[in-house]
Amino acid sequence: EIESNHNRHRWTVEECRAIKVEYQQKLKDLRNSRSEAA
């Protein structure tokens, strides 16, 4: 059961890439809003 659950939850390369891009975009937005406020 644990093994099949692990396999079902394995992330694809595309998912990892999309998450990384989304994370970097959020960081960029945070920096922009901070510099504007300051």
N, C-alpha and C. Protein backbone atom coordinates (compact mmCIF):
# COMPACT_ATOMS: atom_id res chain seq x y z
N GLU A 1 0.84 -1.20 0.00
CA GLU A 1 0.00 0.00 0.00
C GLU A 1 0.88 1.25 0.00
N ILE A 2 1.88 1.28 0.88
CA ILE A 2 2.77 2.45 0.95
C ILE A 2 3.51 2.61 -0.37
N GLU A 3 3.94 1.49 -0.94
CA GLU A 3 4.72 1.54 -2.18
C GLU A 3 3.88 2.13 -3.32
N SER A 4 2.66 1.62 -3.49
CA SER A 4 1.81 2.12 -4.58
C SER A 4 1.47 3.58 -4.35
N ASN A 5 1.27 3.97 -3.09
CA ASN A 5 0.97 5.36 -2.76
C ASN A 5 2.15 6.24 -3.16
N HIS A 6 3.35 5.76 -2.90
CA HIS A 6 4.55 6.52 -3.23
C HIS A 6 4.66 6.69 -4.75
N ASN A 7 4.39 5.62 -5.48
CA ASN A 7 4.49 5.69 -6.94
C ASN A 7 3.45 6.65 -7.51
N ARG A 8 2.25 6.66 -6.94
CA ARG A 8 1.20 7.52 -7.45
C ARG A 8 1.56 8.99 -7.22
N HIS A 9 2.34 9.25 -6.19
CA HIS A 9 2.64 10.63 -5.82
C HIS A 9 3.97 11.11 -6.40
N ARG A 10 4.60 10.28 -7.23
CA ARG A 10 5.89 10.68 -7.79
C ARG A 10 5.68 11.83 -8.77
N TRP A 11 6.51 12.85 -8.66
CA TRP A 11 6.37 14.03 -9.52
C TRP A 11 7.13 13.85 -10.82
N THR A 12 6.56 14.40 -11.88
CA THR A 12 7.22 14.33 -13.17
C THR A 12 8.19 15.51 -13.31
N VAL A 13 9.05 15.43 -14.30
CA VAL A 13 10.02 16.50 -14.52
C VAL A 13 9.29 17.80 -14.84
N GLU A 14 8.20 17.68 -15.60
CA GLU A 14 7.43 18.88 -15.97
C GLU A 14 6.87 19.56 -14.74
N GLU A 15 6.35 18.77 -13.79
CA GLU A 15 5.78 19.35 -12.57
C GLU A 15 6.86 20.07 -11.77
N CYS A 16 8.02 19.44 -11.65
CA CYS A 16 9.11 20.06 -10.89
C CYS A 16 9.54 21.37 -11.55
N ARG A 17 9.61 21.36 -12.87
CA ARG A 17 10.02 22.56 -13.60
C ARG A 17 9.00 23.68 -13.40
N ALA A 18 7.72 23.33 -13.51
CA ALA A 18 6.66 24.33 -13.37
C ALA A 18 6.68 24.93 -11.97
N ILE A 19 6.90 24.09 -10.96
CA ILE A 19 6.94 24.57 -9.57
C ILE A 19 8.12 25.51 -9.39
N LYS A 20 9.26 25.17 -9.98
CA LYS A 20 10.45 26.02 -9.82
C LYS A 20 10.21 27.38 -10.46
N VAL A 21 9.61 27.39 -11.65
CA VAL A 21 9.32 28.65 -12.35
C VAL A 21 8.35 29.49 -11.52
N GLU A 22 7.31 28.83 -10.99
CA GLU A 22 6.31 29.55 -10.20
C GLU A 22 6.95 30.14 -8.96
N TYR A 23 7.85 29.38 -8.32
CA TYR A 23 8.52 29.85 -7.10
C TYR A 23 9.40 31.07 -7.41
N GLN A 24 10.15 30.99 -8.50
CA GLN A 24 11.03 32.11 -8.86
C GLN A 24 10.20 33.35 -9.20
N GLN A 25 9.03 33.14 -9.82
CA GLN A 25 8.16 34.26 -10.17
C GLN A 25 7.65 34.93 -8.90
N LYS A 26 7.30 34.11 -7.90
CA LYS A 26 6.81 34.66 -6.64
C LYS A 26 7.91 35.46 -5.95
N LEU A 27 9.13 34.97 -5.98
CA LEU A 27 10.25 35.69 -5.37
C LEU A 27 10.44 37.03 -6.06
N LYS A 28 10.33 37.03 -7.40
CA LYS A 28 10.51 38.26 -8.16
C LYS A 28 9.43 39.27 -7.78
N ASP A 29 8.18 38.79 -7.67
CA ASP A 29 7.07 39.67 -7.31
C ASP A 29 7.29 40.24 -5.92
N LEU A 30 7.78 39.41 -5.00
CA LEU A 30 8.03 39.87 -3.63
C LEU A 30 9.06 40.98 -3.63
N ARG A 31 10.15 40.78 -4.38
CA ARG A 31 11.21 41.79 -4.43
C ARG A 31 10.68 43.09 -5.02
N ASN A 32 9.87 42.99 -6.08
CA ASN A 32 9.34 44.18 -6.73
C ASN A 32 8.45 44.97 -5.78
N SER A 33 7.55 44.28 -5.09
CA SER A 33 6.63 44.97 -4.19
C SER A 33 7.40 45.59 -3.02
N ARG A 34 8.47 44.93 -2.58
CA ARG A 34 9.25 45.46 -1.46
C ARG A 34 9.98 46.73 -1.88
N SER A 35 10.59 46.73 -3.05
CA SER A 35 11.34 47.91 -3.51
C SER A 35 10.38 49.07 -3.77
N GLU A 36 9.16 48.78 -4.22
CA GLU A 36 8.18 49.84 -4.45
C GLU A 36 7.74 50.46 -3.13
N ALA A 37 7.54 49.61 -2.12
CA ALA A 37 7.09 50.10 -0.81
C ALA A 37 8.20 50.94 -0.18
N ALA A 38 9.45 50.54 -0.39
CA ALA A 38 10.57 51.28 0.19
C ALA A 38 10.87 52.49 -0.68
